[in-house]
Protein backbone atom coordinates (compact mmCIF):
# COMPACT_ATOMS: atom_id res chain seq x y z
CA MET A 1 5.50 -15.84 7.16
CA SER A 2 7.71 -12.84 8.39
CA ALA A 3 6.03 -9.88 10.04
CA HIS A 4 6.84 -6.50 8.34
CA THR A 5 6.59 -3.16 10.27
CA PRO A 6 2.90 -2.39 11.04
CA GLY A 7 1.36 0.44 8.50
CA PRO A 8 0.45 3.09 8.02
CA TRP A 9 3.66 4.21 6.54
CA SER A 10 4.36 7.98 5.35
CA GLU A 11 6.74 9.43 2.82
CA SER A 12 8.48 12.94 3.01
CA GLY A 13 11.34 14.88 1.87
CA ASP A 14 12.38 16.60 5.27
CA ASN A 15 16.26 16.83 4.55
CA GLU A 16 17.31 20.31 4.68
CA LEU A 17 20.52 19.55 3.01
CA ASP A 18 18.81 17.62 0.30
CA PRO A 19 15.06 17.88 0.06
CA THR A 20 15.13 15.29 -2.89
CA ILE A 21 15.79 12.39 -0.59
CA ARG A 22 12.53 10.79 0.23
CA TYR A 23 12.11 9.15 3.88
CA ILE A 24 9.65 6.22 4.44
CA ARG A 25 8.71 5.83 8.30
CA ASP A 26 6.31 3.99 10.20
CA SER A 27 3.55 5.56 12.45
CA THR A 28 5.75 6.34 15.24
CA GLY A 29 8.26 8.23 12.97
CA LEU A 30 10.67 5.25 12.84
CA GLU A 31 12.63 5.43 9.62
CA ILE A 32 12.13 2.37 7.59
CA ALA A 33 13.74 3.18 4.18
CA VAL A 34 15.40 6.06 2.26
CA VAL A 35 14.98 6.82 -1.30
CA TYR A 36 17.81 8.56 -2.97
CA PRO A 37 17.60 10.54 -6.07
CA SER A 38 18.20 8.10 -9.22
CA GLY A 39 16.20 9.71 -11.80
CA GLU A 40 12.86 11.16 -12.19
CA ARG A 41 11.08 8.58 -10.61
CA HIS A 42 12.43 8.45 -6.92
CA GLU A 43 9.26 10.68 -5.60
CA SER A 44 6.89 8.12 -7.13
CA ASP A 45 9.10 5.11 -5.94
CA ALA A 46 8.90 6.23 -2.44
CA ARG A 47 5.12 7.00 -2.45
CA LEU A 48 4.83 3.28 -3.71
CA ILE A 49 7.14 1.97 -0.84
CA ALA A 50 5.12 4.00 1.52
CA ALA A 51 1.80 2.51 0.41
CA ALA A 52 3.19 -1.17 0.80
CA PRO A 53 1.41 -2.17 3.80
CA GLU A 54 -2.02 -0.72 2.81
CA LEU A 55 -1.49 -2.37 -0.64
CA LEU A 56 -0.78 -5.61 0.98
CA GLU A 57 -3.83 -5.33 3.02
CA GLY A 58 -6.01 -4.44 0.15
CA GLY A 59 -4.58 -7.48 -1.74
CA ARG A 60 -5.25 -9.71 1.05
CA LEU A 61 -9.02 -8.75 1.19
CA ALA A 62 -9.28 -8.79 -2.72
CA LEU A 63 -7.97 -12.24 -2.71
CA LYS A 64 -10.59 -13.20 -0.03
CA ALA A 65 -13.26 -11.70 -1.98
CA LEU A 66 -12.40 -13.53 -5.00
CA ARG A 67 -12.21 -16.85 -3.26
CA GLU A 68 -15.71 -16.08 -2.10
CA MET A 69 -16.82 -15.46 -5.58
CA HIS A 70 -15.20 -18.52 -6.91
CA THR A 71 -16.39 -20.87 -4.10
CA ALA A 72 -20.31 -19.27 -4.44
CA ALA A 73 -19.90 -19.79 -8.32
CA LEU A 74 -18.87 -23.54 -8.10
CA HIS A 75 -21.83 -23.91 -5.98
CA GLY A 76 -24.26 -22.10 -8.18
CA ARG A 77 -24.68 -19.24 -5.69
CA GLN A 78 -24.42 -15.70 -5.92
CA VAL A 79 -22.50 -13.87 -3.20
CA ILE A 80 -22.77 -10.30 -2.08
CA LEU A 81 -19.26 -8.89 -1.58
CA ASP A 82 -18.13 -6.43 1.23
CA ARG A 83 -17.57 -3.07 -0.57
CA GLY A 84 -14.47 -2.82 2.14
CA ALA A 85 -12.25 -5.00 -0.07
CA PHE A 86 -12.84 -2.67 -2.97
CA ASP A 87 -12.42 0.58 -1.03
CA ALA A 88 -9.19 -0.60 0.57
CA LEU A 89 -7.50 -1.31 -2.60
CA GLU A 90 -8.52 1.65 -4.40
CA ALA A 91 -7.62 4.00 -1.61
CA ALA A 92 -3.98 2.08 -1.10
CA ILE A 93 -3.58 2.26 -5.30
CA ALA A 94 -4.38 5.99 -4.98
CA ALA A 95 -1.92 6.47 -2.41
CA ALA A 96 0.71 4.60 -4.50
CA GLU A 97 0.05 6.69 -7.37
CA GLY A 98 0.09 10.16 -5.39
CA LYS A 99 -3.52 10.94 -5.86
């Protein structure tokens, strides 16, 4: 598995010449990606790209929780899930959706 630039990433439109261009930067301000206007969805696309590290982590936590539930069900046990997996995934989806 290859490593990606660690999150959090941010999204902004701070180009004085063209504020419709969206920049994705890491936590140090290093530019990771640039989203050029290509229709009315480019700002939403930029938010989704910026939320990628959090979405990945939330997905990993959710998968771990599902595996624990599956294993417990196979053995006739109940499992109390850590709310952190749900919270992380909900926060990442909200960030991707601009909420």
